[in-house]
Amino acid sequence: MMRIQRAAGAVVGSAVGDALGGPFEFGPPGAFSARFPEPGAGGEMCGGGGWDPGEATDDTQMAVLVAEFLLERGGLDLPDVFARFQRWAASEPKDIGLQTEDVLTNGMPWDLAAAIHFQVNQRAAGNGSLMRASSSAVHFAAAGQAATMDAARRIAALTHGDRAAWEGTAIFHELIRLTLEDTDPLTAIPDVLALVHPDHRGRYATVLAPAWHPDQATEFNGAVWPCLGSAVWALRTTTSFEDAIRAAIDLGGDTDTVAAVTGGLAGAYYGLDAIPARWTRPLHVPLPGSDGRVLHLTDLLHLAHRLAEGLSTRQA
């Protein structure tokens, strides 16, 4: 499979999972299949819970912010991306994670806001840095293992002071990189775990183990490690993009983010063509604070192609 098909699959797949999962957020397990019992019958981009049919949530909005920052700046200017996050948070998006909102609105400098939040609350391992990582994972993949994992940690640390969130995002980046290189990410997990900070390696080894099931999670899947573990479980236990997304949403809980992370992994694994057209046609990403701009499939594909090629606005 061509690399660009995998890269586009990761970006679009994450957005599709997000839009499908949004209406079921915080609902019970099995709600998606109860409403849509026959795979392939259609109607799944149903909207609800404040979301229009096909509308992506804050997960994809932040992924787009990261993508556009990387393409415009051509490098990792952390104060710049933090400022973009702040402007977005101030524009009253429909949804924003409580932790992310506090960090972006507490008035602290970019290099202290997340750390101070963690010091005060002692809990900052939400999945908010993982949910937005599909675009940065595609962009940094060509730079190699060390560079992509370092970039993941640094972008995650802008909003999440707990290193657990950095490590989970770094694992996701590396799994995407390997998949774009036509390496099976599931068989590579032991090698990836060896690159995780020792203080967090055991926790991730547990949730990424072949025998692990999301029912064994000791925390809500809004936390970074069960979220990533659930996404890998969904990929491992199914045989198609569609089935992986269904499995992820049927877990209940933080369905938009679990499905977004699953969609990024499964999209890279199966490629763009494996994503059903009935899911990509209504897909759209409103961008609060951008004078009403809304991205559709063609826009996401354009972003994915440029991210994969490493093009900045100055080069294009």
C-alpha atoms as a PDB file:
ATOM      1  CA  MET A   1       0.000   0.000   0.000  1.00  0.00           C
ATOM      2  CA  MET A   2       1.281   3.493  -0.813  1.00  0.00           C
ATOM      3  CA  ARG A   3       2.452   5.498   2.171  1.00  0.00           C
ATOM      4  CA  ILE A   4       0.142   8.400   1.328  1.00  0.00           C
ATOM      5  CA  GLN A   5      -2.878   6.081   1.512  1.00  0.00           C
ATOM      6  CA  ARG A   6      -1.908   5.156   5.050  1.00  0.00           C
ATOM      7  CA  ALA A   7      -1.189   8.766   6.023  1.00  0.00           C
ATOM      8  CA  ALA A   8      -4.512   9.992   4.672  1.00  0.00           C
ATOM      9  CA  GLY A   9      -6.210   7.058   6.366  1.00  0.00           C
ATOM     10  CA  ALA A  10      -4.759   8.107   9.718  1.00  0.00           C
ATOM     11  CA  VAL A  11      -5.906  11.732   9.462  1.00  0.00           C
ATOM     12  CA  VAL A  12      -9.332  11.053   7.959  1.00  0.00           C
ATOM     13  CA  GLY A  13      -9.874   7.907  10.021  1.00  0.00           C
ATOM     14  CA  SER A  14      -9.325   9.782  13.248  1.00  0.00           C
ATOM     15  CA  ALA A  15     -11.824  12.478  12.229  1.00  0.00           C
ATOM     16  CA  VAL A  16     -14.381   9.870  11.161  1.00  0.00           C
ATOM     17  CA  GLY A  17     -14.082   7.994  14.445  1.00  0.00           C
ATOM     18  CA  ASP A  18     -14.458  11.250  16.341  1.00  0.00           C
ATOM     19  CA  ALA A  19     -17.610  12.271  14.444  1.00  0.00           C
ATOM     20  CA  LEU A  20     -19.162   8.821  14.804  1.00  0.00           C
ATOM     21  CA  GLY A  21     -18.367   8.580  18.495  1.00  0.00           C
ATOM     22  CA  GLY A  22     -19.377  12.095  19.523  1.00  0.00           C
ATOM     23  CA  PRO A  23     -23.136  11.485  19.786  1.00  0.00           C
ATOM     24  CA  PHE A  24     -22.545   8.437  22.017  1.00  0.00           C
ATOM     25  CA  GLU A  25     -20.142  10.094  24.466  1.00  0.00           C
ATOM     26  CA  PHE A  26     -20.677   9.021  28.080  1.00  0.00           C
ATOM     27  CA  GLY A  27     -23.353   6.583  26.965  1.00  0.00           C
ATOM     28  CA  PRO A  28     -23.569   2.927  27.975  1.00  0.00           C
ATOM     29  CA  PRO A  29     -21.644   0.072  26.374  1.00  0.00           C
ATOM     30  CA  GLY A  30     -23.243  -1.359  23.249  1.00  0.00           C
ATOM     31  CA  ALA A  31     -25.302   1.726  22.408  1.00  0.00           C
ATOM     32  CA  PHE A  32     -23.874   2.072  18.908  1.00  0.00           C
ATOM     33  CA  SER A  33     -24.637  -1.505  17.840  1.00  0.00           C
ATOM     34  CA  ALA A  34     -28.016  -1.370  19.536  1.00  0.00           C
ATOM     35  CA  ARG A  35     -28.943   1.578  17.313  1.00  0.00           C
ATOM     36  CA  PHE A  36     -27.179   0.258  14.192  1.00  0.00           C
ATOM     37  CA  PRO A  37     -27.274  -3.538  14.511  1.00  0.00           C
ATOM     38  CA  GLU A  38     -26.504  -4.296  10.875  1.00  0.00           C
ATOM     39  CA  PRO A  39     -22.987  -3.263   9.790  1.00  0.00           C
ATOM     40  CA  GLY A  40     -22.996  -1.441   6.474  1.00  0.00           C
ATOM     41  CA  ALA A  41     -26.673  -0.526   6.537  1.00  0.00           C
ATOM     42  CA  GLY A  42     -25.942   3.183   6.835  1.00  0.00           C
ATOM     43  CA  GLY A  43     -27.228   6.061   8.920  1.00  0.00           C
ATOM     44  CA  GLU A  44     -24.448   5.889  11.498  1.00  0.00           C
ATOM     45  CA  MET A  45     -23.433   9.529  11.055  1.00  0.00           C
ATOM     46  CA  CYS A  46     -26.546  10.354  12.989  1.00  0.00           C
ATOM     47  CA  GLY A  47     -25.607  13.370  15.056  1.00  0.00           C
ATOM     48  CA  GLY A  48     -26.990  13.969  18.517  1.00  0.00           C
ATOM     49  CA  GLY A  49     -25.730  15.114  21.870  1.00  0.00           C
ATOM     50  CA  GLY A  50     -25.282  18.616  20.490  1.00  0.00           C
ATOM     51  CA  TRP A  51     -23.459  17.454  17.344  1.00  0.00           C
ATOM     52  CA  ASP A  52     -24.760  17.680  13.782  1.00  0.00           C
ATOM     53  CA  PRO A  53     -24.547  14.556  11.584  1.00  0.00           C
ATOM     54  CA  GLY A  54     -20.932  14.144  10.519  1.00  0.00           C
ATOM     55  CA  GLU A  55     -19.638  16.933  12.763  1.00  0.00           C
ATOM     56  CA  ALA A  56     -16.239  16.332  14.322  1.00  0.00           C
ATOM     57  CA  THR A  57     -15.613  17.409  17.903  1.00  0.00           C
ATOM     58  CA  ASP A  58     -12.814  19.184  19.726  1.00  0.00           C
ATOM     59  CA  ASP A  59     -10.582  16.149  19.151  1.00  0.00           C
ATOM     60  CA  THR A  60     -10.343  16.819  15.421  1.00  0.00           C
ATOM     61  CA  GLN A  61     -10.483  20.589  15.791  1.00  0.00           C
ATOM     62  CA  MET A  62      -7.293  20.490  17.846  1.00  0.00           C
ATOM     63  CA  ALA A  63      -5.690  18.018  15.423  1.00  0.00           C
ATOM     64  CA  VAL A  64      -6.364  20.500  12.618  1.00  0.00           C
ATOM     65  CA  LEU A  65      -4.854  23.326  14.673  1.00  0.00           C
ATOM     66  CA  VAL A  66      -1.709  21.237  15.091  1.00  0.00           C
ATOM     67  CA  ALA A  67      -1.647  20.350  11.390  1.00  0.00           C
ATOM     68  CA  GLU A  68      -1.990  23.943  10.232  1.00  0.00           C
ATOM     69  CA  PHE A  69       0.616  25.114  12.717  1.00  0.00           C
ATOM     70  CA  LEU A  70       3.132  22.523  11.501  1.00  0.00           C
ATOM     71  CA  LEU A  71       2.519  23.369   7.858  1.00  0.00           C
ATOM     72  CA  GLU A  72       2.668  27.122   8.364  1.00  0.00           C
ATOM     73  CA  ARG A  73       5.661  27.250  10.683  1.00  0.00           C
ATOM     74  CA  GLY A  74       7.675  24.360   9.297  1.00  0.00           C
ATOM     75  CA  GLY A  75       8.909  23.433  12.761  1.00  0.00           C
ATOM     76  CA  LEU A  76       7.966  22.894  16.370  1.00  0.00           C
ATOM     77  CA  ASP A  77       7.392  26.397  17.754  1.00  0.00           C
ATOM     78  CA  LEU A  78       5.754  25.466  21.054  1.00  0.00           C
ATOM     79  CA  PRO A  79       4.753  28.987  22.185  1.00  0.00           C
ATOM     80  CA  ASP A  80       3.016  29.462  18.841  1.00  0.00           C
ATOM     81  CA  VAL A  81       0.964  26.284  19.018  1.00  0.00           C
ATOM     82  CA  PHE A  82       0.039  27.020  22.638  1.00  0.00           C
ATOM     83  CA  ALA A  83      -1.203  30.470  21.570  1.00  0.00           C
ATOM     84  CA  ARG A  84      -3.316  28.857  18.844  1.00  0.00           C
ATOM     85  CA  PHE A  85      -4.797  26.486  21.400  1.00  0.00           C
ATOM     86  CA  GLN A  86      -5.569  29.464  23.642  1.00  0.00           C
ATOM     87  CA  ARG A  87      -7.344  31.381  20.875  1.00  0.00           C
ATOM     88  CA  TRP A  88      -9.390  28.294  20.059  1.00  0.00           C
ATOM     89  CA  ALA A  89     -10.320  27.745  23.725  1.00  0.00           C
ATOM     90  CA  ALA A  90     -11.389  31.383  24.022  1.00  0.00           C
ATOM     91  CA  SER A  91     -13.741  31.055  21.026  1.00  0.00           C
ATOM     92  CA  GLU A  92     -16.244  28.946  22.988  1.00  0.00           C
ATOM     93  CA  PRO A  93     -16.008  25.591  21.175  1.00  0.00           C
ATOM     94  CA  LYS A  94     -18.961  23.276  21.720  1.00  0.00           C
ATOM     95  CA  ASP A  95     -16.806  20.960  23.791  1.00  0.00           C
ATOM     96  CA  ILE A  96     -13.424  21.157  25.487  1.00  0.00           C
ATOM     97  CA  GLY A  97     -11.901  18.897  28.106  1.00  0.00           C
ATOM     98  CA  LEU A  98     -11.928  20.290  31.633  1.00  0.00           C
ATOM     99  CA  GLN A  99      -8.199  19.825  32.093  1.00  0.00           C
ATOM    100  CA  THR A 100      -7.331  21.302  28.704  1.00  0.00           C
ATOM    101  CA  GLU A 101      -9.631  24.261  29.311  1.00  0.00           C
ATOM    102  CA  ASP A 102      -8.066  25.016  32.680  1.00  0.00           C
ATOM    103  CA  VAL A 103      -4.525  24.901  31.303  1.00  0.00           C
ATOM    104  CA  LEU A 104      -5.372  27.103  28.326  1.00  0.00           C
ATOM    105  CA  THR A 105      -7.287  29.694  30.346  1.00  0.00           C
ATOM    106  CA  ASN A 106      -5.378  29.892  33.660  1.00  0.00           C
ATOM    107  CA  GLY A 107      -3.254  32.807  32.482  1.00  0.00           C
ATOM    108  CA  MET A 108       0.077  31.065  33.001  1.00  0.00           C
ATOM    109  CA  PRO A 109       2.893  31.136  30.405  1.00  0.00           C
ATOM    110  CA  TRP A 110       3.013  28.371  27.824  1.00  0.00           C
ATOM    111  CA  ASP A 111       5.879  26.552  29.523  1.00  0.00           C
ATOM    112  CA  LEU A 112       4.330  26.607  33.019  1.00  0.00           C
ATOM    113  CA  ALA A 113       0.565  26.305  32.558  1.00  0.00           C
ATOM    114  CA  ALA A 114       0.336  22.514  32.344  1.00  0.00           C
ATOM    115  CA  ALA A 115       3.017  21.877  34.936  1.00  0.00           C
ATOM    116  CA  ILE A 116       1.349  24.138  37.485  1.00  0.00           C
ATOM    117  CA  HIS A 117      -2.017  22.540  36.797  1.00  0.00           C
ATOM    118  CA  PHE A 118      -0.476  19.140  37.532  1.00  0.00           C
ATOM    119  CA  GLN A 119       1.222  20.366  40.706  1.00  0.00           C
ATOM    120  CA  VAL A 120      -2.056  21.730  42.028  1.00  0.00           C
ATOM    121  CA  ASN A 121      -4.353  18.884  40.982  1.00  0.00           C
ATOM    122  CA  GLN A 122      -1.961  15.910  41.039  1.00  0.00           C
ATOM    123  CA  ARG A 123      -3.983  14.425  38.176  1.00  0.00           C
ATOM    124  CA  ALA A 124      -3.327  15.303  34.541  1.00  0.00           C
ATOM    125  CA  ALA A 125      -3.334  12.002  32.641  1.00  0.00           C
ATOM    126  CA  GLY A 126      -6.428  12.624  30.556  1.00  0.00           C
ATOM    127  CA  ASN A 127      -6.500  11.584  26.904  1.00  0.00           C
ATOM    128  CA  GLY A 128      -6.651  15.160  25.586  1.00  0.00           C
ATOM    129  CA  SER A 129      -3.134  15.117  24.131  1.00  0.00           C
ATOM    130  CA  LEU A 130      -3.681  11.706  22.559  1.00  0.00           C
ATOM    131  CA  MET A 131      -6.942  12.656  20.859  1.00  0.00           C
ATOM    132  CA  ARG A 132      -5.318  15.335  18.677  1.00  0.00           C
ATOM    133  CA  ALA A 133      -2.172  13.413  17.701  1.00  0.00           C
ATOM    134  CA  SER A 134      -3.051  11.975  14.281  1.00  0.00           C
ATOM    135  CA  SER A 135      -1.813  14.992  12.333  1.00  0.00           C
ATOM    136  CA  SER A 136       1.454  15.377  14.227  1.00  0.00           C
ATOM    137  CA  ALA A 137       2.058  11.610  14.024  1.00  0.00           C
ATOM    138  CA  VAL A 138       1.837  11.745  10.230  1.00  0.00           C
ATOM    139  CA  HIS A 139       4.003  14.860   9.997  1.00  0.00           C
ATOM    140  CA  PHE A 140       6.868  13.631  12.165  1.00  0.00           C
ATOM    141  CA  ALA A 141       6.864  10.007  10.977  1.00  0.00           C
ATOM    142  CA  ALA A 142       9.451  10.619   8.282  1.00  0.00           C
ATOM    143  CA  ALA A 143      11.848  12.106  10.835  1.00  0.00           C
ATOM    144  CA  GLY A 144      12.326   8.744  12.516  1.00  0.00           C
ATOM    145  CA  GLN A 145      11.687   7.062  15.825  1.00  0.00           C
ATOM    146  CA  ALA A 146      13.442   9.423  18.222  1.00  0.00           C
ATOM    147  CA  ALA A 147      12.169  12.600  16.574  1.00  0.00           C
ATOM    148  CA  THR A 148       8.545  11.528  16.373  1.00  0.00           C
ATOM    149  CA  MET A 149       8.407  10.369  19.990  1.00  0.00           C
ATOM    150  CA  ASP A 150      10.154  13.525  21.187  1.00  0.00           C
ATOM    151  CA  ALA A 151       7.725  15.741  19.260  1.00  0.00           C
ATOM    152  CA  ALA A 152       4.766  13.816  20.699  1.00  0.00           C
ATOM    153  CA  ARG A 153       5.980  14.341  24.251  1.00  0.00           C
ATOM    154  CA  ARG A 154       6.660  18.047  23.751  1.00  0.00           C
ATOM    155  CA  ILE A 155       3.280  18.803  22.157  1.00  0.00           C
ATOM    156  CA  ALA A 156       1.480  16.730  24.795  1.00  0.00           C
ATOM    157  CA  ALA A 157       3.255  18.606  27.590  1.00  0.00           C
ATOM    158  CA  LEU A 158       1.689  21.890  26.462  1.00  0.00           C
ATOM    159  CA  THR A 159      -1.616  20.859  28.041  1.00  0.00           C
ATOM    160  CA  HIS A 160      -0.834  17.777  30.142  1.00  0.00           C
ATOM    161  CA  GLY A 161       1.666  17.965  32.968  1.00  0.00           C
ATOM    162  CA  ASP A 162       1.570  14.257  33.792  1.00  0.00           C
ATOM    163  CA  ARG A 163       4.260  12.319  31.948  1.00  0.00           C
ATOM    164  CA  ALA A 164       1.782   9.452  31.496  1.00  0.00           C
ATOM    165  CA  ALA A 165       0.056  11.563  28.842  1.00  0.00           C
ATOM    166  CA  TRP A 166       3.375  12.304  27.124  1.00  0.00           C
ATOM    167  CA  GLU A 167       4.292   8.638  26.970  1.00  0.00           C
ATOM    168  CA  GLY A 168       0.908   7.524  25.631  1.00  0.00           C
ATOM    169  CA  THR A 169       1.054  10.135  22.892  1.00  0.00           C
ATOM    170  CA  ALA A 170       4.619   9.094  22.061  1.00  0.00           C
ATOM    171  CA  ILE A 171       3.536   5.448  21.746  1.00  0.00           C
ATOM    172  CA  PHE A 172       0.742   6.484  19.373  1.00  0.00           C
ATOM    173  CA  HIS A 173       3.173   8.524  17.254  1.00  0.00           C
ATOM    174  CA  GLU A 174       5.549   5.586  16.983  1.00  0.00           C
ATOM    175  CA  LEU A 175       2.794   3.085  16.130  1.00  0.00           C
ATOM    176  CA  ILE A 176       1.653   5.372  13.313  1.00  0.00           C
ATOM    177  CA  ARG A 177       5.236   5.767  12.080  1.00  0.00           C
ATOM    178  CA  LEU A 178       5.732   2.021  11.978  1.00  0.00           C
ATOM    179  CA  THR A 179       2.437   1.493  10.181  1.00  0.00           C
ATOM    180  CA  LEU A 180       3.346   4.069   7.535  1.00  0.00           C
ATOM    181  CA  GLU A 181       6.536   2.045   7.012  1.00  0.00           C
ATOM    182  CA  ASP A 182       4.428  -1.088   6.351  1.00  0.00           C
ATOM    183  CA  THR A 183       5.397  -2.604   9.706  1.00  0.00           C
ATOM    184  CA  ASP A 184       2.681  -4.349  11.690  1.00  0.00           C
ATOM    185  CA  PRO A 185       2.201  -2.070  14.718  1.00  0.00           C
ATOM    186  CA  LEU A 186       0.739  -4.849  16.848  1.00  0.00           C
ATOM    187  CA  THR A 187       3.781  -7.083  16.578  1.00  0.00           C
ATOM    188  CA  ALA A 188       6.047  -4.082  17.201  1.00  0.00           C
ATOM    189  CA  ILE A 189       4.474  -3.152  20.544  1.00  0.00           C
ATOM    190  CA  PRO A 190       7.114  -4.882  22.723  1.00  0.00           C
ATOM    191  CA  ASP A 191       9.873  -2.923  20.982  1.00  0.00           C
ATOM    192  CA  VAL A 192       7.915   0.327  21.357  1.00  0.00           C
ATOM    193  CA  LEU A 193       7.366  -0.310  25.066  1.00  0.00           C
ATOM    194  CA  ALA A 194      11.123  -0.490  25.513  1.00  0.00           C
ATOM    195  CA  LEU A 195      11.232   3.186  24.483  1.00  0.00           C
ATOM    196  CA  VAL A 196       8.712   4.289  27.117  1.00  0.00           C
ATOM    197  CA  HIS A 197       9.899   6.024  30.294  1.00  0.00           C
ATOM    198  CA  PRO A 198      10.500   3.342  32.954  1.00  0.00           C
ATOM    199  CA  ASP A 199       8.083   4.960  35.395  1.00  0.00           C
ATOM    200  CA  HIS A 200       5.218   4.408  32.936  1.00  0.00           C
ATOM    201  CA  ARG A 201       6.300   1.351  30.981  1.00  0.00           C
ATOM    202  CA  GLY A 202       4.527  -1.186  33.202  1.00  0.00           C
ATOM    203  CA  ARG A 203       1.173   0.538  33.011  1.00  0.00           C
ATOM    204  CA  TYR A 204       1.301   0.682  29.215  1.00  0.00           C
ATOM    205  CA  ALA A 205       2.588  -2.877  28.967  1.00  0.00           C
ATOM    206  CA  THR A 206      -0.545  -3.972  30.830  1.00  0.00           C
ATOM    207  CA  VAL A 207      -3.092  -2.219  28.590  1.00  0.00           C
ATOM    208  CA  LEU A 208      -1.262  -3.044  25.341  1.00  0.00           C
ATOM    209  CA  ALA A 209      -0.864  -6.751  26.099  1.00  0.00           C
ATOM    210  CA  PRO A 210      -2.610  -9.133  23.662  1.00  0.00           C
ATOM    211  CA  ALA A 211      -4.767 -10.629  26.417  1.00  0.00           C
ATOM    212  CA  TRP A 212      -5.928  -7.301  27.844  1.00  0.00           C
ATOM    213  CA  HIS A 213      -9.604  -6.347  27.462  1.00  0.00           C
ATOM    214  CA  PRO A 214     -11.088  -2.895  28.173  1.00  0.00           C
ATOM    215  CA  ASP A 215     -13.296  -4.497  30.819  1.00  0.00           C
ATOM    216  CA  GLN A 216     -10.090  -4.937  32.835  1.00  0.00           C
ATOM    217  CA  ALA A 217      -9.385  -1.194  32.922  1.00  0.00           C
ATOM    218  CA  THR A 218      -8.987   0.225  36.398  1.00  0.00           C
ATOM    219  CA  GLU A 219      -9.763   3.787  35.244  1.00  0.00           C
ATOM    220  CA  PHE A 220     -12.363   5.432  33.024  1.00  0.00           C
ATOM    221  CA  ASN A 221     -11.327   5.464  29.364  1.00  0.00           C
ATOM    222  CA  GLY A 222     -11.026   9.229  29.508  1.00  0.00           C
ATOM    223  CA  ALA A 223      -7.596   8.519  30.992  1.00  0.00           C
ATOM    224  CA  VAL A 224      -4.769   8.204  28.494  1.00  0.00           C
ATOM    225  CA  TRP A 225      -3.617   4.613  29.129  1.00  0.00           C
ATOM    226  CA  PRO A 226      -7.015   2.826  28.965  1.00  0.00           C
ATOM    227  CA  CYS A 227      -7.932   5.014  25.995  1.00  0.00           C
ATOM    228  CA  LEU A 228      -4.858   3.934  24.046  1.00  0.00           C
ATOM    229  CA  GLY A 229      -5.242   0.352  25.258  1.00  0.00           C
ATOM    230  CA  SER A 230      -8.870   0.290  24.096  1.00  0.00           C
ATOM    231  CA  ALA A 231      -7.910   1.598  20.659  1.00  0.00           C
ATOM    232  CA  VAL A 232      -5.198  -1.039  20.240  1.00  0.00           C
ATOM    233  CA  TRP A 233      -7.627  -3.701  21.495  1.00  0.00           C
ATOM    234  CA  ALA A 234     -10.204  -2.595  18.885  1.00  0.00           C
ATOM    235  CA  LEU A 235      -7.598  -2.846  16.114  1.00  0.00           C
ATOM    236  CA  ARG A 236      -6.286  -6.197  17.342  1.00  0.00           C
ATOM    237  CA  THR A 237      -9.659  -7.934  17.725  1.00  0.00           C
ATOM    238  CA  THR A 238     -11.304  -6.877  14.442  1.00  0.00           C
ATOM    239  CA  THR A 239     -10.529  -7.278  10.745  1.00  0.00           C
ATOM    240  CA  SER A 240     -11.692  -4.026   9.140  1.00  0.00           C
ATOM    241  CA  PHE A 241     -11.740  -0.276   9.721  1.00  0.00           C
ATOM    242  CA  GLU A 242     -15.494  -0.301  10.163  1.00  0.00           C
ATOM    243  CA  ASP A 243     -15.486  -3.116  12.692  1.00  0.00           C
ATOM    244  CA  ALA A 244     -12.690  -1.486  14.697  1.00  0.00           C
ATOM    245  CA  ILE A 245     -14.654   1.756  14.989  1.00  0.00           C
ATOM    246  CA  ARG A 246     -17.837  -0.092  15.959  1.00  0.00           C
ATOM    247  CA  ALA A 247     -15.945  -1.991  18.651  1.00  0.00           C
ATOM    248  CA  ALA A 248     -14.417   1.212  20.010  1.00  0.00           C
ATOM    249  CA  ILE A 249     -17.704   3.119  20.249  1.00  0.00           C
ATOM    250  CA  ASP A 250     -19.496   0.124  21.753  1.00  0.00           C
ATOM    251  CA  LEU A 251     -17.178   0.351  24.756  1.00  0.00           C
ATOM    252  CA  GLY A 252     -19.130   3.407  25.881  1.00  0.00           C
ATOM    253  CA  GLY A 253     -17.636   6.189  27.981  1.00  0.00           C
ATOM    254  CA  ASP A 254     -15.393   8.670  26.167  1.00  0.00           C
ATOM    255  CA  THR A 255     -16.513   7.348  22.802  1.00  0.00           C
ATOM    256  CA  ASP A 256     -15.419  10.230  20.595  1.00  0.00           C
ATOM    257  CA  THR A 257     -11.811  10.105  21.733  1.00  0.00           C
ATOM    258  CA  VAL A 258     -11.494   6.319  21.918  1.00  0.00           C
ATOM    259  CA  ALA A 259     -12.925   6.136  18.395  1.00  0.00           C
ATOM    260  CA  ALA A 260     -10.690   8.982  17.176  1.00  0.00           C
ATOM    261  CA  VAL A 261      -7.565   7.193  18.425  1.00  0.00           C
ATOM    262  CA  THR A 262      -8.853   3.901  17.009  1.00  0.00           C
ATOM    263  CA  GLY A 263      -9.622   5.631  13.717  1.00  0.00           C
ATOM    264  CA  GLY A 264      -6.102   7.006  13.484  1.00  0.00           C
ATOM    265  CA  LEU A 265      -4.542   3.599  14.036  1.00  0.00           C
ATOM    266  CA  ALA A 266      -7.034   1.655  11.909  1.00  0.00           C
ATOM    267  CA  GLY A 267      -6.967   4.289   9.163  1.00  0.00           C
ATOM    268  CA  ALA A 268      -3.206   3.960   8.872  1.00  0.00           C
ATOM    269  CA  TYR A 269      -3.421   0.174   9.105  1.00  0.00           C
ATOM    270  CA  TYR A 270      -6.128  -0.367   6.461  1.00  0.00           C
ATOM    271  CA  GLY A 271      -5.631   2.784   4.378  1.00  0.00           C
ATOM    272  CA  LEU A 272      -7.937   5.537   3.194  1.00  0.00           C
ATOM    273  CA  ASP A 273      -9.893   3.326   0.796  1.00  0.00           C
ATOM    274  CA  ALA A 274     -11.067   1.136   3.684  1.00  0.00           C
ATOM    275  CA  ILE A 275     -13.004   4.005   5.266  1.00  0.00           C
ATOM    276  CA  PRO A 276     -16.640   3.827   4.113  1.00  0.00           C
ATOM    277  CA  ALA A 277     -17.666   6.681   1.826  1.00  0.00           C
ATOM    278  CA  ARG A 278     -20.972   6.975   3.673  1.00  0.00           C
ATOM    279  CA  TRP A 279     -18.884   8.093   6.663  1.00  0.00           C
ATOM    280  CA  THR A 280     -16.564  10.498   4.848  1.00  0.00           C
ATOM    281  CA  ARG A 281     -19.232  12.265   2.749  1.00  0.00           C
ATOM    282  CA  PRO A 282     -20.979  14.051   5.659  1.00  0.00           C
ATOM    283  CA  LEU A 283     -17.754  14.576   7.621  1.00  0.00           C
ATOM    284  CA  HIS A 284     -17.033  18.196   8.483  1.00  0.00           C
ATOM    285  CA  VAL A 285     -14.866  20.033  10.996  1.00  0.00           C
ATOM    286  CA  PRO A 286     -16.034  23.480  12.160  1.00  0.00           C
ATOM    287  CA  LEU A 287     -13.172  25.593  13.470  1.00  0.00           C
ATOM    288  CA  PRO A 288     -14.317  27.966  16.232  1.00  0.00           C
ATOM    289  CA  GLY A 289     -12.543  31.288  16.162  1.00  0.00           C
ATOM    290  CA  SER A 290     -11.818  31.126  12.432  1.00  0.00           C
ATOM    291  CA  ASP A 291     -14.668  33.250  11.071  1.00  0.00           C
ATOM    292  CA  GLY A 292     -16.914  30.299  10.329  1.00  0.00           C
ATOM    293  CA  ARG A 293     -14.386  28.158   8.465  1.00  0.00           C
ATOM    294  CA  VAL A 294     -15.437  24.507   8.080  1.00  0.00           C
ATOM    295  CA  LEU A 295     -13.197  21.742   6.722  1.00  0.00           C
ATOM    296  CA  HIS A 296     -14.554  18.831   4.689  1.00  0.00           C
ATOM    297  CA  LEU A 297     -13.042  15.637   3.320  1.00  0.00           C
ATOM    298  CA  THR A 298     -11.106  17.333   0.520  1.00  0.00           C
ATOM    299  CA  ASP A 299      -9.570  19.758   3.025  1.00  0.00           C
ATOM    300  CA  LEU A 300      -8.514  16.954   5.358  1.00  0.00           C
ATOM    301  CA  LEU A 301      -7.003  15.047   2.443  1.00  0.00           C
ATOM    302  CA  HIS A 302      -5.058  18.141   1.404  1.00  0.00           C
ATOM    303  CA  LEU A 303      -3.738  18.510   4.958  1.00  0.00           C
ATOM    304  CA  ALA A 304      -2.813  14.829   5.123  1.00  0.00           C
ATOM    305  CA  HIS A 305      -0.908  14.935   1.836  1.00  0.00           C
ATOM    306  CA  ARG A 306       1.074  17.998   2.852  1.00  0.00           C
ATOM    307  CA  LEU A 307       1.780  16.627   6.332  1.00  0.00           C
ATOM    308  CA  ALA A 308       3.052  13.394   4.848  1.00  0.00           C
ATOM    309  CA  GLU A 309       5.228  15.251   2.357  1.00  0.00           C
ATOM    310  CA  GLY A 310       6.629  17.634   4.981  1.00  0.00           C
ATOM    311  CA  LEU A 311       5.565  20.737   3.088  1.00  0.00           C
ATOM    312  CA  SER A 312       5.239  24.078   4.860  1.00  0.00           C
ATOM    313  CA  THR A 313       3.218  26.991   3.529  1.00  0.00           C
ATOM    314  CA  ARG A 314       6.444  28.710   2.544  1.00  0.00           C
ATOM    315  CA  GLN A 315       7.434  25.703   0.431  1.00  0.00           C
ATOM    316  CA  ALA A 316       4.052  25.033  -1.170  1.00  0.00           C
END
